[in-house]
């Protein structure tokens, strides 16, 4: 899998720019605030249908422009395909195109340009709240299992509707009559979400442990443990069992939900815990250990996507080498020998022998060096 060409018009600070990429390593070199991360963001958007930096698509459109366009030529499954996204200012919905055909949703883009991203903000995934770790799980599972994306979207819709029902119950008490129906549907859909997540975290833990052990020179062990609602005794149980256990949890939290007007029961509060040498990363890991653990997770994601799709995902690395010692830098660089890689850096130093160098300056992509 590889990205052959990219065209940007009025995306972030790119007025209009076009670039061709090599199948191996593409080094994006330039000073801060010139557009290196914006270029990775454009690739990620065409891969997933959303930005990794903002939920407001208006922020992706260059100042005073009416729309932004992103187009790419991609090779996947031994055939070339064209991807295109057009983002509009105001309330007009964005348009997604595949092979010249307008698509109804981003789900149609799944598997066309699979990618794995590392950016500095990811360093807080293992330190801060569970929301970031849920996004980490969901992002890859959605790329691997389209049925999971559908189940996750349905669960999110039910969660929003039940939450609105709880908030409005005082003004309209009759709404509580449909609460049991929502609970049942959320338990049924939530059981599927838990089943997918548990299996993914188990596979991720195995791959990440291997990478982390090599990364740290056999001095550290990384373990991941999936956490879901307390009544689920075995997340690998059949969906029917998980559904019954989720309903049990709902019943035990019913009164608290009514009093707080919040939905307190379900996999929307799921998490996973990372532990290095027996100590939780969130409380005890150093900055270097945390960086090593997160990079190991990203490399593990890439391995699982390669196993699941039969193709190596595009690897997007933003400022990945800073604050790593020479030995750990060498480990990361050795992982760049397979598949297509985009890596940002301010200076090429020891990286120039790896592949093509593209100069990024003021929203312009310079020629290969």
Protein backbone atom coordinates (compact mmCIF):
# COMPACT_ATOMS: atom_id res chain seq x y z
CA UNK A 1 0.00 0.00 0.00
CA UNK A 2 1.37 3.39 -0.89
CA UNK A 3 0.50 7.01 -1.60
CA UNK A 4 1.86 7.94 -5.03
CA UNK A 5 0.75 11.55 -5.48
CA UNK A 6 -0.99 14.21 -3.38
CA UNK A 7 -2.66 17.44 -4.43
CA UNK A 8 -3.73 20.10 -1.92
CA UNK A 9 -5.70 23.27 -2.55
CA UNK A 10 -6.49 25.73 0.25
CA UNK A 11 -5.88 23.09 2.92
CA UNK A 12 -4.44 24.64 6.11
CA UNK A 13 -1.52 26.82 4.91
CA UNK A 14 -1.27 25.17 1.47
CA UNK A 15 -2.64 27.46 -1.24
CA UNK A 16 -1.98 24.94 -4.00
CA UNK A 17 0.67 22.25 -4.02
CA UNK A 18 1.34 18.89 -5.60
CA UNK A 19 3.92 16.22 -4.74
CA UNK A 20 4.96 12.71 -5.76
CA UNK A 21 6.29 10.25 -3.19
CA UNK A 22 8.58 7.23 -3.23
CA UNK A 23 7.41 3.83 -1.95
CA UNK A 24 9.92 3.89 0.93
CA UNK A 25 10.85 6.73 3.28
CA UNK A 26 9.75 10.31 2.52
CA UNK A 27 11.46 12.89 4.75
CA UNK A 28 9.52 16.14 5.18
CA UNK A 29 12.10 18.74 6.16
CA UNK A 30 11.50 22.33 7.21
CA UNK A 31 11.35 24.75 10.09
CA UNK A 32 8.49 24.98 12.55
CA UNK A 33 5.11 26.29 11.34
CA UNK A 34 5.90 25.70 7.65
CA UNK A 35 3.36 22.92 7.10
CA UNK A 36 5.06 19.57 7.77
CA UNK A 37 2.39 18.40 10.22
CA UNK A 38 -0.33 19.84 7.97
CA UNK A 39 0.87 17.53 5.20
CA UNK A 40 0.64 14.50 7.49
CA UNK A 41 -2.83 15.68 8.52
CA UNK A 42 -3.93 15.76 4.87
CA UNK A 43 -2.73 12.18 4.32
CA UNK A 44 -4.44 11.05 7.53
CA UNK A 45 -7.68 12.75 6.48
CA UNK A 46 -7.76 10.88 3.17
CA UNK A 47 -7.03 7.68 5.07
CA UNK A 48 -9.69 8.00 7.78
CA UNK A 49 -12.11 10.74 6.74
CA UNK A 50 -11.26 12.96 9.72
CA UNK A 51 -8.45 15.08 11.18
CA UNK A 52 -6.30 14.02 14.12
CA UNK A 53 -6.01 17.63 15.33
CA UNK A 54 -9.52 19.10 15.23
CA UNK A 55 -13.18 18.18 14.92
CA UNK A 56 -13.97 21.49 13.21
CA UNK A 57 -13.45 21.07 9.48
CA UNK A 58 -13.64 24.84 9.05
CA UNK A 59 -10.18 24.97 10.66
CA UNK A 60 -8.79 22.83 7.82
CA UNK A 61 -9.74 25.40 5.17
CA UNK A 62 -7.21 28.14 4.45
CA UNK A 63 -8.21 31.55 5.76
CA UNK A 64 -10.68 33.35 3.45
CA UNK A 65 -10.97 30.35 1.10
CA UNK A 66 -14.45 28.97 0.33
CA UNK A 67 -13.40 25.33 0.22
CA UNK A 68 -10.41 23.00 0.50
CA UNK A 69 -9.58 20.09 -1.78
CA UNK A 70 -7.43 17.04 -1.09
CA UNK A 71 -6.75 14.52 -3.86
CA UNK A 72 -4.50 11.48 -3.95
CA UNK A 73 -3.45 8.65 -6.21
CA UNK A 74 -3.09 5.47 -4.16
CA UNK A 75 -1.89 1.94 -4.90
CA UNK A 76 -3.71 -0.69 -2.84
CA UNK A 77 -4.37 -4.37 -3.51
CA UNK A 78 -2.18 -4.05 -6.62
CA UNK A 79 -4.45 -1.47 -8.25
CA UNK A 80 -4.44 2.29 -8.45
CA UNK A 81 -7.31 4.26 -6.99
CA UNK A 82 -8.15 7.95 -6.74
CA UNK A 83 -9.22 9.53 -3.45
CA UNK A 84 -10.68 13.03 -3.17
CA UNK A 85 -12.15 15.11 -0.36
CA UNK A 86 -13.73 18.55 -0.67
CA UNK A 87 -14.40 20.53 2.50
CA UNK A 88 -16.67 23.56 2.46
CA UNK A 89 -16.87 26.60 4.69
CA UNK A 90 -20.19 27.18 6.43
CA UNK A 91 -22.72 24.39 6.92
CA UNK A 92 -22.39 22.63 3.57
CA UNK A 93 -21.35 18.99 4.17
CA UNK A 94 -18.02 17.74 2.90
CA UNK A 95 -17.79 15.47 -0.14
CA UNK A 96 -15.78 12.25 -0.34
CA UNK A 97 -14.94 10.63 -3.67
CA UNK A 98 -13.46 7.23 -4.52
CA UNK A 99 -12.50 6.38 -8.11
CA UNK A 100 -14.54 9.37 -9.29
CA UNK A 101 -17.70 8.21 -7.49
CA UNK A 102 -19.17 10.29 -4.67
CA UNK A 103 -19.47 8.29 -1.44
CA UNK A 104 -22.17 8.52 1.20
CA UNK A 105 -19.88 8.13 4.20
CA UNK A 106 -16.23 7.77 5.18
CA UNK A 107 -16.78 4.02 5.72
CA UNK A 108 -16.37 3.59 1.96
CA UNK A 109 -12.76 4.76 2.25
CA UNK A 110 -11.88 2.00 4.70
CA UNK A 111 -8.90 -0.03 3.53
CA UNK A 112 -8.07 2.17 0.55
CA UNK A 113 -5.27 4.09 2.28
CA UNK A 114 -4.65 2.47 5.66
CA UNK A 115 -2.35 4.47 7.93
CA UNK A 116 -0.80 4.56 11.39
CA UNK A 117 0.07 7.93 12.92
CA UNK A 118 2.43 8.99 15.68
CA UNK A 119 2.40 12.63 16.79
CA UNK A 120 3.69 14.35 19.97
CA UNK A 121 0.15 14.61 21.37
CA UNK A 122 0.04 10.80 21.47
CA UNK A 123 2.55 10.85 24.34
CA UNK A 124 -0.31 11.74 26.67
CA UNK A 125 -2.43 8.73 25.63
CA UNK A 126 -1.07 6.59 28.45
CA UNK A 127 -0.92 9.45 30.97
CA UNK A 128 -4.27 11.24 30.73
CA UNK A 129 -7.91 10.13 30.68
CA UNK A 130 -9.44 7.05 29.08
CA UNK A 131 -10.96 8.90 26.09
CA UNK A 132 -7.65 8.95 24.22
CA UNK A 133 -7.10 5.25 24.81
CA UNK A 134 -10.59 4.46 23.54
CA UNK A 135 -9.84 6.46 20.38
CA UNK A 136 -6.61 4.49 19.99
CA UNK A 137 -8.54 1.20 20.14
CA UNK A 138 -11.43 2.32 17.99
CA UNK A 139 -9.32 3.89 15.24
CA UNK A 140 -7.56 0.65 14.33
CA UNK A 141 -10.51 -1.70 14.88
CA UNK A 142 -12.61 0.46 12.54
CA UNK A 143 -9.95 0.07 9.84
CA UNK A 144 -9.83 -3.69 10.37
CA UNK A 145 -13.50 -4.46 10.98
CA UNK A 146 -16.16 -2.38 9.15
CA UNK A 147 -18.86 -4.15 11.21
CA UNK A 148 -17.28 -2.73 14.34
CA UNK A 149 -17.48 0.81 12.98
CA UNK A 150 -21.19 0.30 12.34
CA UNK A 151 -21.75 -1.09 15.86
CA UNK A 152 -19.75 1.75 17.42
CA UNK A 153 -21.74 4.37 15.50
CA UNK A 154 -25.03 2.74 16.54
CA UNK A 155 -23.94 2.62 20.18
CA UNK A 156 -22.94 6.29 20.05
CA UNK A 157 -26.33 7.22 18.60
CA UNK A 158 -28.18 5.28 21.32
CA UNK A 159 -25.97 6.85 24.01
CA UNK A 160 -26.75 10.36 22.79
CA UNK A 161 -30.49 9.64 22.68
CA UNK A 162 -30.59 8.02 26.11
CA UNK A 163 -28.56 10.89 27.57
CA UNK A 164 -31.02 13.41 26.12
CA UNK A 165 -33.91 11.36 27.52
CA UNK A 166 -32.40 11.44 31.02
CA UNK A 167 -31.84 15.18 30.86
CA UNK A 168 -35.41 15.89 29.76
CA UNK A 169 -37.21 13.47 32.07
CA UNK A 170 -38.39 16.18 34.51
CA UNK A 171 -40.02 18.24 31.76
CA UNK A 172 -41.49 15.16 30.11
CA UNK A 173 -41.76 12.19 32.53
CA UNK A 174 -43.43 10.00 29.90
CA UNK A 175 -40.05 9.68 28.18
CA UNK A 176 -39.01 7.21 30.88
CA UNK A 177 -41.40 4.67 29.39
CA UNK A 178 -38.97 4.00 26.53
CA UNK A 179 -35.93 3.75 28.83
CA UNK A 180 -36.02 -0.09 29.04
CA UNK A 181 -35.95 -0.30 25.23
CA UNK A 182 -32.87 1.91 25.08
CA UNK A 183 -31.16 -0.12 27.80
CA UNK A 184 -31.76 -3.37 25.92
CA UNK A 185 -30.50 -2.02 22.59
CA UNK A 186 -27.44 -0.46 24.24
CA UNK A 187 -26.66 -3.74 25.99
CA UNK A 188 -26.95 -5.68 22.74
CA UNK A 189 -24.77 -3.26 20.79
CA UNK A 190 -22.40 -2.70 23.71
CA UNK A 191 -21.76 -6.44 23.90
CA UNK A 192 -20.44 -6.37 20.33
CA UNK A 193 -18.24 -3.35 21.10
CA UNK A 194 -16.74 -5.08 24.14
CA UNK A 195 -16.16 -8.32 22.23
CA UNK A 196 -14.23 -6.55 19.45
CA UNK A 197 -12.23 -4.39 21.86
CA UNK A 198 -11.21 -7.26 24.14
CA UNK A 199 -9.83 -9.29 21.25
CA UNK A 200 -8.04 -6.31 19.77
CA UNK A 201 -6.37 -5.30 23.04
CA UNK A 202 -5.21 -8.89 23.56
CA UNK A 203 -3.53 -8.93 20.13
CA UNK A 204 -2.19 -5.39 20.61
CA UNK A 205 -0.68 -6.36 23.97
CA UNK A 206 1.22 -9.27 22.46
CA UNK A 207 2.71 -7.21 19.62
CA UNK A 208 3.43 -4.14 21.76
CA UNK A 209 5.20 -6.25 24.40
CA UNK A 210 7.51 -7.65 21.73
CA UNK A 211 8.37 -4.25 20.30
CA UNK A 212 8.85 -2.68 23.72
CA UNK A 213 11.15 -5.47 24.87
CA UNK A 214 13.38 -5.01 21.80
CA UNK A 215 13.07 -1.21 22.01
CA UNK A 216 14.32 -1.15 25.63
CA UNK A 217 17.08 -3.69 25.10
CA UNK A 218 15.25 -6.36 27.13
CA UNK A 219 15.29 -4.11 30.21
CA UNK A 220 11.55 -3.42 30.33
CA UNK A 221 8.32 -5.38 29.95
CA UNK A 222 5.09 -3.74 28.78
CA UNK A 223 1.66 -5.20 29.64
CA UNK A 224 -1.81 -4.04 28.58
CA UNK A 225 -5.06 -4.95 30.35
CA UNK A 226 -8.52 -4.21 28.98
CA UNK A 227 -11.03 -2.68 31.45
CA UNK A 228 -14.80 -2.64 30.95
CA UNK A 229 -17.88 -2.55 33.20
CA UNK A 230 -17.50 -4.41 36.51
CA UNK A 231 -20.23 -6.99 35.89
CA UNK A 232 -18.46 -8.35 32.80
CA UNK A 233 -16.42 -11.20 34.24
CA UNK A 234 -15.00 -12.39 30.91
CA UNK A 235 -14.94 -9.96 27.95
CA UNK A 236 -14.27 -12.93 25.64
CA UNK A 237 -17.61 -14.54 26.53
CA UNK A 238 -20.33 -14.87 23.84
CA UNK A 239 -22.25 -11.66 23.06
CA UNK A 240 -25.39 -13.10 24.67
CA UNK A 241 -23.55 -13.47 27.99
CA UNK A 242 -22.03 -10.01 27.70
CA UNK A 243 -25.46 -8.53 26.98
CA UNK A 244 -26.95 -10.09 30.13
CA UNK A 245 -24.05 -8.83 32.24
CA UNK A 246 -24.39 -5.34 30.79
CA UNK A 247 -28.09 -5.36 31.66
CA UNK A 248 -27.18 -6.34 35.21
CA UNK A 249 -24.86 -3.34 35.40
CA UNK A 250 -27.59 -1.09 34.00
CA UNK A 251 -30.04 -2.21 36.69
CA UNK A 252 -27.52 -1.53 39.48
CA UNK A 253 -26.92 2.00 38.13
CA UNK A 254 -30.51 2.87 37.19
CA UNK A 255 -31.21 5.06 40.19
CA UNK A 256 -27.88 6.87 39.96
CA UNK A 257 -28.50 7.59 36.28
CA UNK A 258 -31.90 9.13 37.04
CA UNK A 259 -30.49 11.25 39.84
CA UNK A 260 -27.46 12.46 37.86
CA UNK A 261 -29.23 12.69 34.48
CA UNK A 262 -26.22 10.93 32.97
CA UNK A 263 -25.65 7.57 31.31
CA UNK A 264 -23.27 5.85 33.74
CA UNK A 265 -23.36 2.28 32.47
CA UNK A 266 -21.79 0.87 29.31
CA UNK A 267 -18.61 0.50 27.24
CA UNK A 268 -18.44 4.24 26.55
CA UNK A 269 -16.35 4.27 29.75
CA UNK A 270 -13.99 1.46 28.65
CA UNK A 271 -10.24 1.76 29.10
CA UNK A 272 -7.02 -0.21 29.03
CA UNK A 273 -4.17 0.01 31.51
CA UNK A 274 -0.49 0.00 30.50
CA UNK A 275 2.08 -1.32 32.96
CA UNK A 276 5.89 -1.28 32.66
CA UNK A 277 7.81 -3.66 34.91
CA UNK A 278 4.76 -4.03 37.12
CA UNK A 279 4.15 -0.30 37.61
CA UNK A 280 1.30 1.67 35.94
CA UNK A 281 2.60 3.96 33.21
CA UNK A 282 0.12 6.71 34.12
CA UNK A 283 1.58 7.19 37.60
CA UNK A 284 5.17 5.97 37.47
CA UNK A 285 6.67 5.94 33.95
CA UNK A 286 9.36 8.45 33.04
CA UNK A 287 9.05 10.60 29.91
CA UNK A 288 11.46 8.33 28.06
CA UNK A 289 9.59 5.18 29.11
CA UNK A 290 6.28 6.71 28.07
CA UNK A 291 7.62 7.67 24.64
CA UNK A 292 9.03 4.18 24.17
CA UNK A 293 5.71 2.59 25.20
CA UNK A 294 3.61 4.76 22.86
CA UNK A 295 5.91 4.16 19.88
CA UNK A 296 5.73 0.43 20.65
CA UNK A 297 1.92 0.67 20.57
CA UNK A 298 2.03 2.41 17.20
CA UNK A 299 4.39 -0.18 15.71
CA UNK A 300 2.11 -2.88 17.10
CA UNK A 301 -0.90 -1.20 15.43
CA UNK A 302 0.96 -1.29 12.13
CA UNK A 303 1.79 -4.99 12.54
CA UNK A 304 -1.85 -5.87 13.29
CA UNK A 305 -3.11 -3.88 10.32
CA UNK A 306 -0.57 -5.63 8.11
CA UNK A 307 -1.74 -9.01 9.42
CA UNK A 308 -5.40 -8.10 8.97
CA UNK A 309 -5.24 -6.54 5.51
CA UNK A 310 -2.26 -8.28 3.92
CA UNK A 311 -0.67 -4.90 3.17
CA UNK A 312 1.69 -2.69 5.14
CA UNK A 313 -0.04 0.55 6.23
CA UNK A 314 1.47 3.93 5.49
CA UNK A 315 3.38 5.10 8.58
CA UNK A 316 3.09 8.80 9.54
CA UNK A 317 5.69 9.94 12.07
CA UNK A 318 5.65 13.51 13.37
CA UNK A 319 8.68 14.47 15.47
CA UNK A 320 9.22 10.86 16.53
CA UNK A 321 12.95 10.86 17.30
CA UNK A 322 13.27 13.79 19.70
CA UNK A 323 14.24 12.91 23.28
CA UNK A 324 15.27 9.36 22.34
CA UNK A 325 18.81 8.22 23.02
CA UNK A 326 20.95 6.93 20.14
CA UNK A 327 20.11 3.27 20.77
CA UNK A 328 16.36 3.86 20.74
CA UNK A 329 16.64 6.10 17.69
CA UNK A 330 18.39 3.25 15.89
CA UNK A 331 15.54 0.90 16.81
CA UNK A 332 12.94 3.27 15.33
CA UNK A 333 14.99 3.85 12.19
CA UNK A 334 15.32 0.09 11.66
CA UNK A 335 11.51 -0.14 11.62
CA UNK A 336 11.39 2.24 8.63
CA UNK A 337 12.82 -0.31 6.21
CA UNK A 338 9.42 -1.79 5.36
CA UNK A 339 6.51 -0.08 3.69
CA UNK A 340 5.96 3.59 2.95
CA UNK A 341 6.88 6.10 5.65
CA UNK A 342 6.42 9.86 6.03
CA UNK A 343 8.57 11.39 8.75
CA UNK A 344 8.89 15.05 9.69
CA UNK A 345 12.14 16.56 10.91
CA UNK A 346 13.79 19.96 11.13
CA UNK A 347 17.22 18.66 10.11
CA UNK A 348 18.05 15.54 8.15
CA UNK A 349 21.28 14.65 9.99
CA UNK A 350 21.57 10.85 9.84
CA UNK A 351 18.23 10.41 8.02
CA UNK A 352 19.27 11.56 4.54
CA UNK A 353 20.35 8.10 3.41
CA UNK A 354 16.92 6.60 4.14
CA UNK A 355 14.92 7.96 1.23
CA UNK A 356 13.52 11.00 -0.57
CA UNK A 357 13.86 14.41 1.05
CA UNK A 358 11.10 16.96 0.43
CA UNK A 359 11.49 20.56 1.55
CA UNK A 360 8.44 22.11 3.19
CA UNK A 361 8.45 25.89 3.31
CA UNK A 362 5.49 28.23 3.89
CA UNK A 363 2.91 25.73 2.67
CA UNK A 364 4.88 24.72 -0.41
CA UNK A 365 6.27 21.26 -1.11
CA UNK A 366 9.72 21.53 -2.66
CA UNK A 367 11.22 19.06 -5.08
CA UNK A 368 12.92 15.82 -4.11
CA UNK A 369 16.52 16.03 -2.95
